[in-house]
Amino acid sequence: MQRSSGRAALLSLLAILVVLFYPALVLSRVVAPETALKSVPPWRLQWGPSPAPSPLALRSATHLGPRLRGISRRGLELAVWNPYIGGGRAGWLSSPAEAGAPLPVAAGLLARPDSVWTALVALEVLASFCTALLSLRALGTGARGAALGAIVYSLSGAVCSHWLDWRGSAFALGPLALAAAALGARRPRWRPLGWGVAAALLLTCGSPALPFIALGLSWELLFGA
């Protein structure tokens, strides 16, 4: 029964990835917020009328996009520290807002330069599904209910609205804080490890991870041993 439930969760995840990334897998159409720049003057005059881009797409194309392309070309030199790039701090990781969040770094290091955005969205969908599934299972939800909840969370507006944003790492990895608190409440010897994970989450994802940390702390205070 447990094996069949795990297989159902895996098949659900594969179905989500195939449906979302069918254009990239079959039609070679990658995610590219930079195309939104064509609808902004003076490009609009050259390329013809088109709807104005969303503020999120515009900010992604002009702020996070150059850092992602730089990480793809030069690796950890830009992902971890470079004093000549905005956000670089001697001896510290790049700030999350400057592409120092875990998932943009992973996408930049693993994907081809022309597929970084597609890889980032795929990683966020995959991570949000897996962390939501883990947290729901840690809270005692059945396997099928946890799989359904993970699907709902990974495709929810809160997560989808940050697919092209550095905050997406916090929303995709945030449920780990609740999972760590739930496991620590049931198994006290795991508590230091759990809160170590939560602290790492906060440091690497920035302030958007704070609500998840607060939720995990509240859970442990209410239900911890």
Protein backbone atom coordinates (compact mmCIF):
# COMPACT_ATOMS: atom_id res chain seq x y z
CA MET A 1 0.00 0.00 0.00
CA GLN A 2 2.76 2.42 0.93
CA ARG A 3 4.67 1.56 -2.24
CA SER A 4 1.60 2.16 -4.42
CA SER A 5 0.96 5.51 -2.70
CA GLY A 6 4.57 6.55 -3.27
CA ARG A 7 4.29 5.52 -6.92
CA ALA A 8 1.10 7.58 -7.25
CA ALA A 9 2.88 10.64 -5.81
CA LEU A 10 5.78 10.15 -8.23
CA LEU A 11 3.44 9.79 -11.20
CA SER A 12 1.58 12.93 -10.14
CA LEU A 13 4.82 14.88 -10.02
CA LEU A 14 5.90 13.58 -13.43
CA ALA A 15 2.51 14.51 -14.90
CA ILE A 16 2.83 18.06 -13.56
CA LEU A 17 6.32 18.45 -14.99
CA VAL A 18 5.34 17.06 -18.41
CA VAL A 19 2.24 19.28 -18.66
CA LEU A 20 4.05 22.44 -17.56
CA PHE A 21 7.19 21.88 -19.58
CA TYR A 22 5.74 20.31 -22.72
CA PRO A 23 6.74 23.39 -24.80
CA ALA A 24 10.33 23.12 -23.55
CA LEU A 25 10.54 19.33 -23.87
CA VAL A 26 8.89 18.98 -27.29
CA LEU A 27 8.80 22.39 -28.99
CA SER A 28 12.14 23.78 -27.72
CA ARG A 29 10.33 26.84 -26.34
CA VAL A 30 12.13 27.90 -23.16
CA VAL A 31 11.01 30.34 -20.48
CA ALA A 32 12.44 33.78 -21.32
CA PRO A 33 11.21 36.86 -19.40
CA GLU A 34 13.64 38.93 -21.48
CA THR A 35 11.17 38.80 -24.38
CA ALA A 36 8.96 41.13 -22.34
CA LEU A 37 11.47 43.91 -23.01
CA LYS A 38 10.27 44.02 -26.63
CA SER A 39 7.00 45.56 -25.46
CA VAL A 40 8.73 48.43 -23.67
CA PRO A 41 9.67 51.65 -25.55
CA PRO A 42 11.66 52.05 -27.70
CA TRP A 43 11.47 48.35 -28.59
CA ARG A 44 7.69 48.59 -28.97
CA LEU A 45 8.22 50.99 -31.86
CA GLN A 46 10.48 48.51 -33.62
CA TRP A 47 8.61 45.28 -32.96
CA GLY A 48 5.04 46.53 -33.24
CA PRO A 49 2.32 46.91 -30.59
CA SER A 50 2.12 44.34 -27.83
CA PRO A 51 0.76 44.34 -24.28
CA ALA A 52 2.90 45.87 -21.57
CA PRO A 53 4.86 43.29 -19.55
CA SER A 54 4.02 42.55 -15.96
CA PRO A 55 6.22 44.26 -13.35
CA LEU A 56 7.45 40.82 -12.24
CA ALA A 57 8.56 39.82 -15.74
CA LEU A 58 10.23 43.16 -16.27
CA ARG A 59 12.10 43.01 -12.98
CA SER A 60 13.13 39.41 -13.61
CA ALA A 61 14.49 40.27 -17.05
CA THR A 62 16.44 43.32 -15.93
CA HIS A 63 17.56 42.36 -12.40
CA LEU A 64 17.80 38.62 -11.84
CA GLY A 65 18.34 37.65 -15.48
CA PRO A 66 21.85 39.12 -15.86
CA ARG A 67 23.00 37.43 -12.66
CA LEU A 68 21.64 34.07 -13.78
CA ARG A 69 23.42 34.36 -17.12
CA GLY A 70 26.61 35.35 -15.30
CA ILE A 71 26.39 32.33 -13.00
CA SER A 72 25.88 30.08 -16.03
CA ARG A 73 29.03 31.42 -17.66
CA ARG A 74 31.33 31.79 -14.66
CA GLY A 75 29.93 29.42 -12.03
CA LEU A 76 30.52 29.88 -8.32
CA GLU A 77 32.69 32.92 -8.89
CA LEU A 78 29.50 34.93 -9.31
CA ALA A 79 27.14 32.71 -7.33
CA VAL A 80 29.12 32.88 -4.10
CA TRP A 81 31.16 36.06 -4.11
CA ASN A 82 32.49 38.67 -6.46
CA PRO A 83 33.37 42.11 -5.05
CA TYR A 84 32.91 43.76 -8.44
CA ILE A 85 29.23 42.71 -8.74
CA GLY A 86 26.45 44.43 -6.83
CA GLY A 87 25.52 42.41 -3.76
CA GLY A 88 28.94 40.79 -3.42
CA ARG A 89 30.26 40.82 0.13
CA ALA A 90 33.75 39.78 1.08
CA GLY A 91 33.59 36.50 2.97
CA TRP A 92 29.81 36.10 2.61
CA LEU A 93 27.48 34.45 0.16
CA SER A 94 25.70 36.69 -2.30
CA SER A 95 22.46 38.07 -0.89
CA PRO A 96 19.33 36.14 -1.93
CA ALA A 97 18.03 39.16 -3.86
CA GLU A 98 21.22 39.13 -5.95
CA ALA A 99 20.72 35.54 -7.17
CA GLY A 100 22.27 34.09 -4.02
CA ALA A 101 19.15 32.06 -3.13
CA PRO A 102 19.58 28.28 -3.42
CA LEU A 103 17.41 27.56 -6.45
CA PRO A 104 18.69 30.37 -8.74
CA VAL A 105 22.25 29.29 -7.91
CA ALA A 106 21.41 25.66 -8.71
CA ALA A 107 19.69 26.63 -11.97
CA GLY A 108 22.62 28.81 -13.01
CA LEU A 109 25.16 26.10 -12.27
CA LEU A 110 23.29 23.14 -13.78
CA ALA A 111 21.46 24.48 -16.83
CA ARG A 112 22.62 25.66 -20.23
CA PRO A 113 22.72 29.47 -20.56
CA ASP A 114 19.64 29.52 -22.81
CA SER A 115 17.62 27.31 -20.43
CA VAL A 116 18.36 28.85 -17.04
CA TRP A 117 14.88 30.27 -16.52
CA THR A 118 13.24 27.00 -17.55
CA ALA A 119 15.49 25.13 -15.13
CA LEU A 120 14.68 27.59 -12.33
CA VAL A 121 10.92 27.12 -12.77
CA ALA A 122 11.35 23.33 -12.94
CA LEU A 123 13.44 23.30 -9.76
CA GLU A 124 10.88 25.43 -7.93
CA VAL A 125 8.00 23.17 -8.98
CA LEU A 126 9.97 20.07 -8.01
CA ALA A 127 11.17 21.52 -4.68
CA SER A 128 7.77 22.88 -3.66
CA PHE A 129 6.11 19.54 -4.37
CA CYS A 130 8.72 17.53 -2.48
CA THR A 131 8.94 19.83 0.56
CA ALA A 132 5.15 20.10 0.84
CA LEU A 133 4.88 16.31 0.60
CA LEU A 134 7.54 15.86 3.28
CA SER A 135 5.96 18.37 5.65
CA LEU A 136 2.47 16.90 5.27
CA ARG A 137 3.80 13.40 5.88
CA ALA A 138 5.68 14.67 8.96
CA LEU A 139 2.42 16.15 10.25
CA GLY A 140 0.78 12.73 10.00
CA THR A 141 -1.19 13.14 6.76
CA GLY A 142 -1.83 9.98 4.79
CA ALA A 143 0.19 9.30 1.66
CA ARG A 144 -2.60 10.11 -0.80
CA GLY A 145 -3.70 13.21 1.09
CA ALA A 146 -0.09 14.40 1.30
CA ALA A 147 0.39 13.89 -2.45
CA LEU A 148 -2.79 15.84 -3.21
CA GLY A 149 -1.78 18.62 -0.82
CA ALA A 150 1.67 18.79 -2.40
CA ILE A 151 0.13 19.17 -5.86
CA VAL A 152 -2.14 21.96 -4.63
CA TYR A 153 0.72 23.76 -2.91
CA SER A 154 3.20 23.48 -5.79
CA LEU A 155 0.64 24.98 -8.21
CA SER A 156 -0.85 27.52 -5.79
CA GLY A 157 -0.80 31.22 -6.52
CA ALA A 158 1.65 31.92 -3.70
CA VAL A 159 4.25 29.67 -5.33
CA CYS A 160 3.46 30.36 -8.99
CA SER A 161 3.65 34.12 -8.52
CA HIS A 162 7.31 33.80 -7.50
CA TRP A 163 8.54 31.36 -10.15
CA LEU A 164 10.51 34.18 -11.80
CA ASP A 165 11.54 35.83 -8.56
CA TRP A 166 14.36 35.22 -6.09
CA ARG A 167 11.66 34.81 -3.41
CA GLY A 168 10.64 31.56 -5.10
CA SER A 169 13.33 29.68 -3.16
CA ALA A 170 11.69 30.62 0.15
CA PHE A 171 8.25 29.47 -0.99
CA ALA A 172 9.59 26.28 -2.53
CA LEU A 173 11.84 25.30 0.39
CA GLY A 174 9.86 26.94 3.19
CA PRO A 175 7.79 23.85 4.12
CA LEU A 176 11.07 22.25 5.27
CA ALA A 177 10.87 24.43 8.40
CA LEU A 178 7.47 22.99 9.29
CA ALA A 179 8.66 19.46 8.53
CA ALA A 180 11.71 19.97 10.74
CA ALA A 181 9.56 21.27 13.61
CA ALA A 182 7.06 18.41 13.28
CA LEU A 183 9.78 15.75 13.24
CA GLY A 184 11.56 17.44 16.15
CA ALA A 185 8.36 17.51 18.19
CA ARG A 186 7.88 13.76 17.73
CA ARG A 187 11.56 12.82 17.98
CA PRO A 188 13.38 15.23 20.32
CA ARG A 189 16.83 13.91 19.40
CA TRP A 190 16.23 15.22 15.86
CA ARG A 191 15.37 18.72 17.11
CA PRO A 192 18.87 20.25 16.73
CA LEU A 193 19.13 18.90 13.20
CA GLY A 194 15.68 20.20 12.34
CA TRP A 195 16.34 23.70 13.56
CA GLY A 196 19.73 23.66 11.87
CA VAL A 197 17.87 23.11 8.61
CA ALA A 198 15.49 25.94 9.49
CA ALA A 199 18.38 28.31 10.24
CA ALA A 200 20.08 27.42 6.97
CA LEU A 201 16.81 28.06 5.17
CA LEU A 202 16.49 31.51 6.71
CA LEU A 203 20.08 32.46 5.92
CA THR A 204 20.00 31.31 2.31
CA CYS A 205 16.47 32.36 1.32
CA GLY A 206 16.27 35.68 3.14
CA SER A 207 13.33 37.43 4.77
CA PRO A 208 10.56 35.67 2.74
CA ALA A 209 11.42 32.51 4.72
CA LEU A 210 10.51 34.17 8.04
CA PRO A 211 6.79 33.17 7.98
CA PHE A 212 7.76 29.53 7.53
CA ILE A 213 10.24 29.74 10.40
CA ALA A 214 7.55 31.34 12.58
CA LEU A 215 5.07 28.63 11.61
CA GLY A 216 7.52 25.88 12.49
CA LEU A 217 8.38 27.52 15.81
CA SER A 218 4.67 27.89 16.66
CA TRP A 219 4.06 24.24 15.86
CA GLU A 220 6.87 23.10 18.13
CA LEU A 221 5.73 25.35 20.99
CA LEU A 222 2.17 24.02 20.75
CA PHE A 223 2.81 20.35 20.10
CA GLY A 224 6.43 19.75 21.10
CA ALA A 225 7.32 17.49 23.97
